[in-house]
């Protein structure tokens, strides 16, 4: 009995180590320009929260401002010919595939409007698909980006969404 219990614990620990190796080897990845006090993140004003909804037309790679690391975004088709570019996060934080969202999904996006280099964009905080799934990238209370949180705090926030 004890040997079987030890084996399960060892296997669980081994799996956790393998999951952490990429993060330890690669670090957090390139977050240039996406930092908490960056010019880009200063555009997110949580007092101006809004929501939009529609279908995801396609995912795109964006570089919001000169010198920033690439990020992921999608084109939201609000219907009637209206399309909005929705910025999600740096690619180092999550790829389009890792969001759990797909082209054609009907979503409701909470976030704020911002003007980036003369283009009106929507900076997402939370994307909800159906009533069962949400991909969250910022704290609702103050707009703090998840990619700037400590690993412990990020785990707490992800657990709260699930």
Protein backbone atom coordinates (compact mmCIF):
# COMPACT_ATOMS: atom_id res chain seq x y z
CA UNK A 1 0.00 0.00 0.00
CA UNK A 2 2.74 2.50 0.94
CA UNK A 3 4.74 1.68 -2.20
CA UNK A 4 1.70 2.33 -4.38
CA UNK A 5 1.06 5.62 -2.57
CA UNK A 6 4.71 6.62 -2.98
CA UNK A 7 4.57 5.81 -6.68
CA UNK A 8 1.55 8.02 -7.23
CA UNK A 9 3.23 10.89 -5.38
CA UNK A 10 6.45 10.41 -7.35
CA UNK A 11 4.54 10.32 -10.64
CA UNK A 12 2.62 13.48 -9.73
CA UNK A 13 5.87 15.26 -8.80
CA UNK A 14 7.55 14.09 -12.00
CA UNK A 15 4.65 15.37 -14.11
CA UNK A 16 4.79 18.75 -12.37
CA UNK A 17 8.52 19.02 -13.05
CA UNK A 18 8.05 18.22 -16.74
CA UNK A 19 5.34 20.86 -16.99
CA UNK A 20 7.64 23.46 -15.42
CA UNK A 21 10.74 22.72 -17.53
CA UNK A 22 9.70 24.89 -20.52
CA UNK A 23 9.01 27.84 -18.25
CA UNK A 24 12.32 27.41 -16.44
CA UNK A 25 14.32 27.05 -19.66
CA UNK A 26 12.57 29.81 -21.62
CA UNK A 27 11.71 32.15 -18.77
CA UNK A 28 8.56 34.19 -19.15
CA UNK A 29 9.33 34.89 -22.80
CA UNK A 30 9.48 38.30 -24.43
CA UNK A 31 7.10 40.73 -22.74
CA UNK A 32 8.79 43.89 -24.04
CA UNK A 33 6.33 46.78 -23.96
CA UNK A 34 3.65 44.72 -22.20
CA UNK A 35 4.96 45.42 -18.68
CA UNK A 36 2.66 46.82 -16.00
CA UNK A 37 3.80 50.47 -16.25
CA UNK A 38 4.35 50.47 -20.02
CA UNK A 39 2.84 53.09 -22.32
CA UNK A 40 0.60 50.38 -23.78
CA UNK A 41 -0.79 49.20 -20.43
CA UNK A 42 -1.33 52.78 -19.29
CA UNK A 43 -4.01 52.94 -22.01
CA UNK A 44 -6.15 50.47 -20.04
CA UNK A 45 -8.45 52.54 -17.82
CA UNK A 46 -10.62 50.21 -15.71
CA UNK A 47 -13.06 53.07 -15.00
CA UNK A 48 -13.92 53.01 -18.72
CA UNK A 49 -14.92 49.33 -18.89
CA UNK A 50 -17.23 48.32 -21.69
CA UNK A 51 -18.36 45.12 -23.37
CA UNK A 52 -18.79 44.07 -26.97
CA UNK A 53 -20.04 40.87 -28.55
CA UNK A 54 -19.92 39.06 -31.83
CA UNK A 55 -18.22 36.28 -33.76
CA UNK A 56 -14.47 35.75 -33.91
CA UNK A 57 -13.61 36.27 -37.58
CA UNK A 58 -9.91 35.41 -37.28
CA UNK A 59 -6.89 35.57 -35.00
CA UNK A 60 -4.02 37.89 -35.86
CA UNK A 61 -0.58 38.76 -34.54
CA UNK A 62 -0.16 42.38 -33.45
CA UNK A 63 2.65 44.66 -32.37
CA UNK A 64 0.62 47.42 -30.72
CA UNK A 65 3.45 49.94 -30.42
CA UNK A 66 6.94 50.18 -31.85
CA UNK A 67 9.41 48.03 -29.92
CA UNK A 68 6.78 45.81 -28.31
CA UNK A 69 6.93 42.04 -28.40
CA UNK A 70 4.26 40.42 -30.61
CA UNK A 71 0.85 39.80 -29.15
CA UNK A 72 -2.30 37.98 -30.10
CA UNK A 73 -5.56 39.59 -31.08
CA UNK A 74 -8.67 38.69 -32.99
CA UNK A 75 -11.05 40.43 -35.33
CA UNK A 76 -14.52 40.51 -33.80
CA UNK A 77 -17.41 40.68 -36.26
CA UNK A 78 -20.17 42.55 -34.46
CA UNK A 79 -22.54 42.09 -37.39
CA UNK A 80 -23.74 44.60 -39.93
CA UNK A 81 -20.22 45.00 -41.31
CA UNK A 82 -18.75 46.29 -38.04
CA UNK A 83 -15.43 44.72 -37.09
CA UNK A 84 -13.24 45.43 -34.08
CA UNK A 85 -9.62 44.48 -33.39
CA UNK A 86 -9.50 42.94 -29.91
CA UNK A 87 -6.07 42.79 -28.23
CA UNK A 88 -5.63 39.88 -25.83
CA UNK A 89 -2.08 39.43 -24.57
CA UNK A 90 1.57 38.97 -25.50
CA UNK A 91 2.33 35.75 -27.40
CA UNK A 92 4.75 34.85 -24.59
CA UNK A 93 1.75 34.62 -22.25
CA UNK A 94 -0.63 32.65 -24.49
CA UNK A 95 -1.00 31.68 -28.12
CA UNK A 96 -4.28 31.79 -30.02
CA UNK A 97 -4.62 28.03 -29.57
CA UNK A 98 -4.05 28.30 -25.81
CA UNK A 99 -6.96 30.72 -25.38
CA UNK A 100 -9.46 27.94 -26.00
CA UNK A 101 -11.24 30.24 -28.44
CA UNK A 102 -11.71 29.49 -32.13
CA UNK A 103 -12.70 31.23 -35.32
CA UNK A 104 -16.50 31.34 -35.55
CA UNK A 105 -17.05 31.36 -31.77
CA UNK A 106 -19.68 33.82 -30.56
CA UNK A 107 -18.14 35.70 -27.63
CA UNK A 108 -18.78 38.54 -25.22
CA UNK A 109 -15.66 40.58 -24.49
CA UNK A 110 -15.18 42.84 -21.48
CA UNK A 111 -12.43 45.43 -21.56
CA UNK A 112 -11.75 49.02 -22.61
CA UNK A 113 -11.50 51.02 -25.81
CA UNK A 114 -8.11 52.56 -26.60
CA UNK A 115 -6.47 54.47 -29.41
CA UNK A 116 -3.20 52.88 -30.48
CA UNK A 117 -1.29 54.68 -33.22
CA UNK A 118 -4.49 56.25 -34.54
CA UNK A 119 -6.47 52.99 -34.56
CA UNK A 120 -9.40 52.34 -32.23
CA UNK A 121 -8.90 48.93 -30.63
CA UNK A 122 -10.50 47.04 -27.75
CA UNK A 123 -8.17 45.86 -24.96
CA UNK A 124 -9.70 42.69 -23.54
CA UNK A 125 -9.89 41.77 -19.88
CA UNK A 126 -12.21 38.75 -20.16
CA UNK A 127 -13.65 36.83 -23.06
CA UNK A 128 -16.68 34.64 -22.39
CA UNK A 129 -17.79 31.91 -24.77
CA UNK A 130 -21.12 30.32 -23.92
CA UNK A 131 -21.83 30.41 -20.21
CA UNK A 132 -19.30 27.73 -19.42
CA UNK A 133 -15.95 29.05 -20.63
CA UNK A 134 -13.99 32.24 -20.08
CA UNK A 135 -10.46 33.32 -20.98
CA UNK A 136 -9.34 36.08 -18.67
CA UNK A 137 -6.21 38.22 -19.16
CA UNK A 138 -6.66 41.14 -16.73
CA UNK A 139 -7.98 41.70 -13.24
CA UNK A 140 -11.45 43.19 -13.43
CA UNK A 141 -10.88 45.49 -10.46
CA UNK A 142 -7.90 47.46 -11.77
CA UNK A 143 -6.90 46.04 -15.17
CA UNK A 144 -3.65 44.48 -13.98
CA UNK A 145 -2.44 42.14 -16.75
CA UNK A 146 -2.25 38.47 -15.77
CA UNK A 147 1.21 38.18 -17.37
CA UNK A 148 2.54 40.55 -14.67
CA UNK A 149 1.16 38.54 -11.73
CA UNK A 150 3.24 36.24 -9.55
CA UNK A 151 2.82 32.52 -10.37
CA UNK A 152 0.87 32.05 -7.12
CA UNK A 153 -1.51 34.93 -7.80
CA UNK A 154 -1.98 33.80 -11.40
CA UNK A 155 -2.90 30.30 -10.20
CA UNK A 156 -5.48 31.81 -7.82
CA UNK A 157 -7.03 33.89 -10.61
CA UNK A 158 -7.15 30.97 -13.05
CA UNK A 159 -8.79 28.80 -10.39
CA UNK A 160 -11.41 31.52 -9.78
CA UNK A 161 -12.34 31.56 -13.49
CA UNK A 162 -12.72 27.77 -13.77
